[in-house]
Amino acid sequence: MRPIQTSYKTALFTCLFSLSTITQANPVACFNTNMGQFCIELFETQTPITSANFLNYIDSEAYKNGIFHRSVPGFVIQGGGFKIVDGTDEKTLAQVNTFPPITNEFKISNTRGTVAMAKLSGNPNSATSQWFVNLADNSLNLDNQNGGFTVFGRVIFDGMKIFDAIEKLPIVKVNLDGSLTDAPLKDFDGPPALISNFVQIDHVAVTHAAGVFSEGTLSFAVDIGTDEALAVNLRLIEDNPAYVFELDPASIASLPTIPTSIATFSSESGQLHIPSVMINASTVVKNVLMQLSDAKSFQFTLISYE
């Protein structure tokens, strides 16, 4: 992902609102677990191979009834390797069936709340089904080993509270099937560990929307009409008496591909229309209409939504 110099950013954004269409945000995958719900926004435009791989595993239900098998407090929570299946007499753990390994796409730093692929030591292009959430800023470590660990998404809305809670759970120190030595346990009263003690993913649903609003920021992608797509954030700066958003110049970054679904901006009326915006794990608002209310600082006032 190539950043753009600040002076050039302003000129580009000026061009944006005389030429542009505003395009689809990234897919959002929401996970229901026995610890609560969290959502991951996938960086589909920055990491298309890795995002497609993750979605393939979701579509195949590889993560349904999956568990988080590794917890390293202050570092990562990891899943995607094992799932609970019905055995002959009782539920058991089984390894996730994997697709072929994918090409490493390291571009984005492993900071707190980002989601990255796990892989084999010494092989940058070995990622399959396993992924992890960074509990802290691990960029100095994970950005600089094994070709860099590919960040392909971020936990949005209030989802990090789920991982902070998982981080506090007791950890299995008993070797189960030769693999699970650091699994977090829920409602654990002592050995042996039961299947019911694992942090389990019950269901995964994917939502596509033209924008994502999380933690006071509306994010989307922009096609400025020059064969270059940009990632753009509008920050909420007022919420009374009206909702007012302002461009965050530091957020503007070049994207390698142009997303498909589009929203529109009219340079004549100054109105920005976003077909849909995801605002929490279960709510998507439609036909969001915003008015350019301060052209100098690129402020937009929310007019209406459905």
Protein backbone atom coordinates (compact mmCIF):
# COMPACT_ATOMS: atom_id res chain seq x y z
CA MET A 1 0.00 0.00 0.00
CA ARG A 2 1.69 3.19 -1.19
CA PRO A 3 1.10 6.34 0.86
CA ILE A 4 0.57 9.65 -0.92
CA GLN A 5 2.27 12.89 0.08
CA THR A 6 0.05 15.32 2.04
CA SER A 7 0.18 18.15 -0.52
CA TYR A 8 -0.78 15.76 -3.28
CA LYS A 9 -3.55 14.28 -1.17
CA THR A 10 -5.47 17.56 -1.08
CA ALA A 11 -5.23 17.99 -4.83
CA LEU A 12 -6.36 14.42 -5.40
CA PHE A 13 -9.32 14.78 -3.11
CA THR A 14 -10.31 18.00 -4.89
CA CYS A 15 -10.22 16.05 -8.15
CA LEU A 16 -12.15 13.28 -6.46
CA PHE A 17 -15.19 15.45 -5.91
CA SER A 18 -15.23 16.79 -9.43
CA LEU A 19 -14.65 13.46 -11.18
CA SER A 20 -15.33 10.61 -8.88
CA THR A 21 -17.40 7.66 -7.96
CA ILE A 22 -17.08 6.24 -4.47
CA THR A 23 -16.68 2.51 -4.36
CA GLN A 24 -17.41 -0.50 -2.21
CA ALA A 25 -15.89 -0.96 1.20
CA ASN A 26 -14.28 -4.23 2.20
CA PRO A 27 -16.30 -7.34 3.17
CA VAL A 28 -16.99 -7.75 6.89
CA ALA A 29 -17.02 -11.20 8.50
CA CYS A 30 -18.88 -11.41 11.82
CA PHE A 31 -18.20 -14.35 14.14
CA ASN A 32 -20.62 -15.56 16.82
CA THR A 33 -18.76 -17.28 19.65
CA ASN A 34 -19.47 -18.53 23.16
CA MET A 35 -17.58 -15.44 24.36
CA GLY A 36 -19.59 -12.96 22.31
CA GLN A 37 -19.62 -11.53 18.79
CA PHE A 38 -16.81 -9.81 16.89
CA CYS A 39 -16.40 -8.61 13.31
CA ILE A 40 -13.39 -8.47 11.00
CA GLU A 41 -13.17 -6.04 8.09
CA LEU A 42 -11.17 -7.73 5.33
CA PHE A 43 -8.62 -5.65 3.40
CA GLU A 44 -9.75 -7.10 0.10
CA THR A 45 -8.23 -4.41 -2.09
CA GLN A 46 -4.83 -4.47 -0.36
CA THR A 47 -4.59 -8.23 0.14
CA PRO A 48 -6.85 -9.85 -2.48
CA ILE A 49 -5.25 -13.32 -2.38
CA THR A 50 -5.36 -13.61 1.39
CA SER A 51 -8.87 -12.17 1.68
CA ALA A 52 -10.19 -14.55 -0.97
CA ASN A 53 -8.52 -17.44 0.85
CA PHE A 54 -10.16 -16.44 4.15
CA LEU A 55 -13.56 -16.12 2.48
CA ASN A 56 -13.11 -19.54 0.87
CA TYR A 57 -12.62 -21.09 4.31
CA ILE A 58 -15.71 -19.28 5.60
CA ASP A 59 -17.77 -20.44 2.61
CA SER A 60 -16.63 -24.04 3.16
CA GLU A 61 -17.72 -23.77 6.83
CA ALA A 62 -14.17 -24.61 7.92
CA TYR A 63 -14.46 -22.10 10.77
CA LYS A 64 -17.94 -23.12 11.89
CA ASN A 65 -17.58 -24.89 15.25
CA GLY A 66 -13.92 -23.88 15.18
CA ILE A 67 -11.93 -23.04 18.30
CA PHE A 68 -9.19 -20.64 19.30
CA HIS A 69 -6.35 -23.03 19.96
CA ARG A 70 -3.59 -20.62 20.97
CA SER A 71 -3.46 -17.72 23.41
CA VAL A 72 -0.29 -15.81 24.18
CA PRO A 73 -1.26 -12.90 26.47
CA GLY A 74 0.13 -9.60 25.30
CA PHE A 75 0.85 -11.08 21.90
CA VAL A 76 -1.80 -12.99 19.86
CA ILE A 77 -4.98 -15.09 19.92
CA GLN A 78 -4.93 -17.73 17.17
CA GLY A 79 -7.60 -19.87 15.49
CA GLY A 80 -8.46 -21.55 12.23
CA GLY A 81 -6.60 -24.79 12.87
CA PHE A 82 -9.12 -27.00 14.70
CA LYS A 83 -12.87 -27.47 14.93
CA ILE A 84 -15.30 -29.50 17.02
CA VAL A 85 -16.91 -32.42 15.19
CA ASP A 86 -19.36 -35.15 16.14
CA GLY A 87 -17.50 -38.38 16.91
CA THR A 88 -18.91 -41.87 17.23
CA ASP A 89 -19.80 -41.45 20.88
CA GLU A 90 -19.03 -37.81 21.65
CA LYS A 91 -17.77 -34.55 20.23
CA THR A 92 -14.08 -34.47 19.40
CA LEU A 93 -11.50 -32.10 17.93
CA ALA A 94 -10.35 -32.41 14.33
CA GLN A 95 -7.91 -30.44 12.23
CA VAL A 96 -9.40 -28.10 9.65
CA ASN A 97 -9.10 -29.42 6.11
CA THR A 98 -6.85 -26.99 4.28
CA PHE A 99 -6.63 -25.60 0.79
CA PRO A 100 -3.24 -25.17 -0.96
CA PRO A 101 -0.91 -22.59 0.66
CA ILE A 102 -1.14 -19.01 -0.60
CA THR A 103 1.37 -16.38 -1.65
CA ASN A 104 2.49 -14.01 1.09
CA GLU A 105 1.06 -10.47 0.72
CA PHE A 106 2.74 -8.58 3.55
CA LYS A 107 1.97 -4.85 3.23
CA ILE A 108 0.29 -3.72 6.46
CA SER A 109 1.87 -3.62 9.94
CA ASN A 110 0.87 -6.03 12.69
CA THR A 111 -0.56 -3.48 15.12
CA ARG A 112 -3.16 -4.06 17.85
CA GLY A 113 -6.48 -5.22 16.46
CA THR A 114 -5.17 -6.31 13.08
CA VAL A 115 -5.74 -9.86 11.84
CA ALA A 116 -2.97 -11.81 10.11
CA MET A 117 -2.23 -15.25 8.68
CA ALA A 118 -0.16 -17.81 10.56
CA LYS A 119 2.40 -19.78 8.57
CA LEU A 120 5.24 -22.27 8.85
CA SER A 121 8.61 -21.08 10.11
CA GLY A 122 11.03 -20.33 7.30
CA ASN A 123 8.38 -20.43 4.56
CA PRO A 124 6.70 -17.07 3.78
CA ASN A 125 4.28 -18.68 1.32
CA SER A 126 2.89 -21.38 3.61
CA ALA A 127 -0.29 -19.81 5.06
CA THR A 128 -3.45 -21.93 4.79
CA SER A 129 -6.34 -21.78 7.29
CA GLN A 130 -4.83 -20.47 10.52
CA TRP A 131 -5.06 -16.80 11.47
CA PHE A 132 -4.46 -14.65 14.54
CA VAL A 133 -5.47 -11.37 16.13
CA ASN A 134 -2.71 -9.07 17.35
CA LEU A 135 -3.33 -8.15 21.00
CA ALA A 136 -0.60 -5.50 20.94
CA ASP A 137 1.61 -3.63 18.50
CA ASN A 138 3.70 -6.53 17.21
CA SER A 139 5.07 -4.70 14.19
CA LEU A 140 8.72 -4.71 15.27
CA ASN A 141 8.57 -8.49 15.53
CA LEU A 142 6.05 -9.82 13.02
CA ASP A 143 6.70 -7.31 10.25
CA ASN A 144 10.33 -8.39 10.09
CA GLN A 145 10.36 -12.18 10.20
CA ASN A 146 9.52 -14.87 7.67
CA GLY A 147 8.76 -12.33 4.95
CA GLY A 148 6.42 -10.43 7.25
CA PHE A 149 3.11 -11.82 8.49
CA THR A 150 0.31 -10.80 6.14
CA VAL A 151 -2.27 -8.56 7.81
CA PHE A 152 -5.51 -8.98 5.85
CA GLY A 153 -8.08 -7.38 8.16
CA ARG A 154 -8.88 -5.57 11.37
CA VAL A 155 -11.28 -6.17 14.24
CA ILE A 156 -13.93 -3.44 14.12
CA PHE A 157 -16.73 -2.02 16.25
CA ASP A 158 -16.15 -3.19 19.86
CA GLY A 159 -14.82 -6.62 18.92
CA MET A 160 -11.47 -6.28 20.68
CA LYS A 161 -13.25 -6.54 24.02
CA ILE A 162 -13.92 -10.19 23.10
CA PHE A 163 -10.23 -10.87 22.50
CA ASP A 164 -9.25 -8.98 25.65
CA ALA A 165 -11.61 -11.30 27.54
CA ILE A 166 -10.17 -14.40 25.84
CA GLU A 167 -6.69 -13.18 26.74
CA LYS A 168 -7.63 -13.35 30.43
CA LEU A 169 -8.83 -16.97 30.30
CA PRO A 170 -6.71 -19.78 31.77
CA ILE A 171 -4.51 -21.56 29.23
CA VAL A 172 -4.21 -25.31 28.63
CA LYS A 173 -0.69 -26.48 29.36
CA VAL A 174 -1.50 -30.12 28.60
CA ASN A 175 -0.58 -31.51 25.18
CA LEU A 176 -3.78 -32.47 23.33
CA ASP A 177 -3.30 -34.35 20.05
CA GLY A 178 0.26 -33.09 19.94
CA SER A 179 -0.83 -29.57 19.06
CA LEU A 180 -2.91 -27.73 21.65
CA THR A 181 -0.57 -26.61 24.38
CA ASP A 182 -1.73 -23.00 24.71
CA ALA A 183 -5.50 -23.09 24.20
CA PRO A 184 -7.62 -20.64 26.23
CA LEU A 185 -10.33 -22.34 28.31
CA LYS A 186 -13.76 -21.03 29.26
CA ASP A 187 -15.43 -22.08 32.56
CA PHE A 188 -12.44 -24.26 33.35
CA ASP A 189 -12.40 -25.81 36.85
CA GLY A 190 -9.27 -27.90 36.43
CA PRO A 191 -7.98 -30.82 34.39
CA PRO A 192 -8.96 -32.56 32.32
CA ALA A 193 -9.98 -30.02 29.67
CA LEU A 194 -13.41 -30.69 28.18
CA ILE A 195 -14.63 -29.91 24.68
CA SER A 196 -17.11 -27.51 26.23
CA ASN A 197 -14.25 -25.51 27.74
CA PHE A 198 -12.86 -24.32 24.41
CA VAL A 199 -13.66 -20.89 23.00
CA GLN A 200 -15.85 -21.92 20.10
CA ILE A 201 -17.02 -20.19 16.92
CA ASP A 202 -20.67 -21.05 16.33
CA HIS A 203 -21.35 -19.21 13.10
CA VAL A 204 -19.74 -16.81 10.60
CA ALA A 205 -21.67 -14.38 8.38
CA VAL A 206 -20.22 -12.09 5.70
CA THR A 207 -21.69 -8.67 4.94
CA HIS A 208 -20.94 -6.49 1.91
CA ALA A 209 -21.61 -2.77 2.28
CA ALA A 210 -20.40 0.35 0.50
CA GLY A 211 -19.02 1.79 3.74
CA VAL A 212 -18.07 0.81 7.27
CA PHE A 213 -18.56 3.12 10.27
CA SER A 214 -16.51 2.04 13.29
CA GLU A 215 -15.06 3.95 16.23
CA GLY A 216 -16.08 7.33 14.85
CA THR A 217 -14.67 6.76 11.37
CA LEU A 218 -16.47 6.12 8.07
CA SER A 219 -14.17 4.23 5.71
CA PHE A 220 -14.59 3.52 2.01
CA ALA A 221 -12.61 3.45 -1.23
CA VAL A 222 -12.49 6.11 -3.93
CA ASP A 223 -11.88 5.86 -7.68
CA ILE A 224 -10.54 9.27 -8.69
CA GLY A 225 -10.80 8.50 -12.39
CA THR A 226 -7.07 8.12 -13.07
CA ASP A 227 -6.78 4.32 -12.90
CA GLU A 228 -5.94 4.66 -9.22
CA ALA A 229 -8.12 3.78 -6.24
CA LEU A 230 -7.69 5.43 -2.87
CA ALA A 231 -8.69 4.40 0.64
CA VAL A 232 -10.41 7.30 2.43
CA ASN A 233 -11.67 7.92 5.97
CA LEU A 234 -14.15 10.54 7.13
CA ARG A 235 -13.98 11.23 10.86
CA LEU A 236 -17.07 12.13 12.90
CA ILE A 237 -16.31 15.55 14.43
CA GLU A 238 -19.79 16.60 15.62
CA ASP A 239 -22.94 14.72 16.59
CA ASN A 240 -25.17 17.54 17.88
CA PRO A 241 -27.28 19.14 16.52
CA ALA A 242 -26.12 17.41 13.29
CA TYR A 243 -23.67 14.64 12.40
CA VAL A 244 -20.65 16.22 10.71
CA PHE A 245 -17.76 14.29 9.17
CA GLU A 246 -14.38 15.57 8.03
CA LEU A 247 -11.79 14.09 5.71
CA ASP A 248 -8.77 12.57 7.48
CA PRO A 249 -5.93 13.43 5.05
CA ALA A 250 -3.58 10.91 6.67
CA SER A 251 -5.99 8.11 5.76
CA ILE A 252 -5.69 8.58 2.01
CA ALA A 253 -3.65 5.75 0.53
CA SER A 254 -3.28 4.18 -2.88
CA LEU A 255 -4.97 0.82 -3.49
CA PRO A 256 -3.69 -1.67 -6.05
CA THR A 257 -7.15 -2.52 -7.41
CA ILE A 258 -10.44 -0.71 -7.86
CA PRO A 259 -13.45 -2.23 -6.03
CA THR A 260 -16.66 -2.92 -7.93
CA SER A 261 -19.85 -1.60 -6.26
CA ILE A 262 -20.07 2.17 -6.35
CA ALA A 263 -21.65 5.12 -4.61
CA THR A 264 -21.79 8.58 -6.16
CA PHE A 265 -20.95 12.20 -5.47
CA SER A 266 -22.55 15.08 -7.37
CA SER A 267 -20.21 18.02 -7.87
CA GLU A 268 -23.22 20.15 -8.81
CA SER A 269 -25.28 19.54 -5.66
CA GLY A 270 -22.42 18.63 -3.32
CA GLN A 271 -24.30 15.52 -2.23
CA LEU A 272 -22.58 12.25 -1.41
CA HIS A 273 -24.74 9.13 -1.70
CA ILE A 274 -23.54 5.85 -0.13
CA PRO A 275 -25.87 2.93 -0.87
CA SER A 276 -25.15 1.13 2.40
CA VAL A 277 -23.04 1.56 5.54
CA MET A 278 -22.43 -1.11 8.18
CA ILE A 279 -22.58 0.55 11.62
CA ASN A 280 -22.42 -2.47 13.94
CA ALA A 281 -22.38 -6.26 13.82
CA SER A 282 -26.07 -6.54 13.00
CA THR A 283 -27.05 -3.24 11.37
CA VAL A 284 -26.58 -1.90 7.86
CA VAL A 285 -28.17 1.45 7.03
CA LYS A 286 -29.05 2.20 3.43
CA ASN A 287 -29.09 5.22 1.14
CA VAL A 288 -26.90 7.40 3.32
CA LEU A 289 -27.02 10.95 1.99
CA MET A 290 -24.42 13.53 3.03
CA GLN A 291 -23.97 17.16 2.01
CA LEU A 292 -20.61 18.84 1.44
CA SER A 293 -20.98 21.66 3.98
CA ASP A 294 -17.42 23.01 4.10
CA ALA A 295 -15.44 22.57 0.88
CA LYS A 296 -12.24 24.00 2.34
CA SER A 297 -11.87 21.34 5.04
CA PHE A 298 -13.96 18.71 3.25
CA GLN A 299 -16.66 18.49 5.89
CA PHE A 300 -19.89 16.60 5.21
CA THR A 301 -23.17 16.84 7.11
CA LEU A 302 -25.40 13.80 7.33
CA ILE A 303 -28.76 14.51 5.70
CA SER A 304 -30.65 11.22 5.84
CA TYR A 305 -30.48 7.43 5.79
CA GLU A 306 -32.85 4.47 5.80
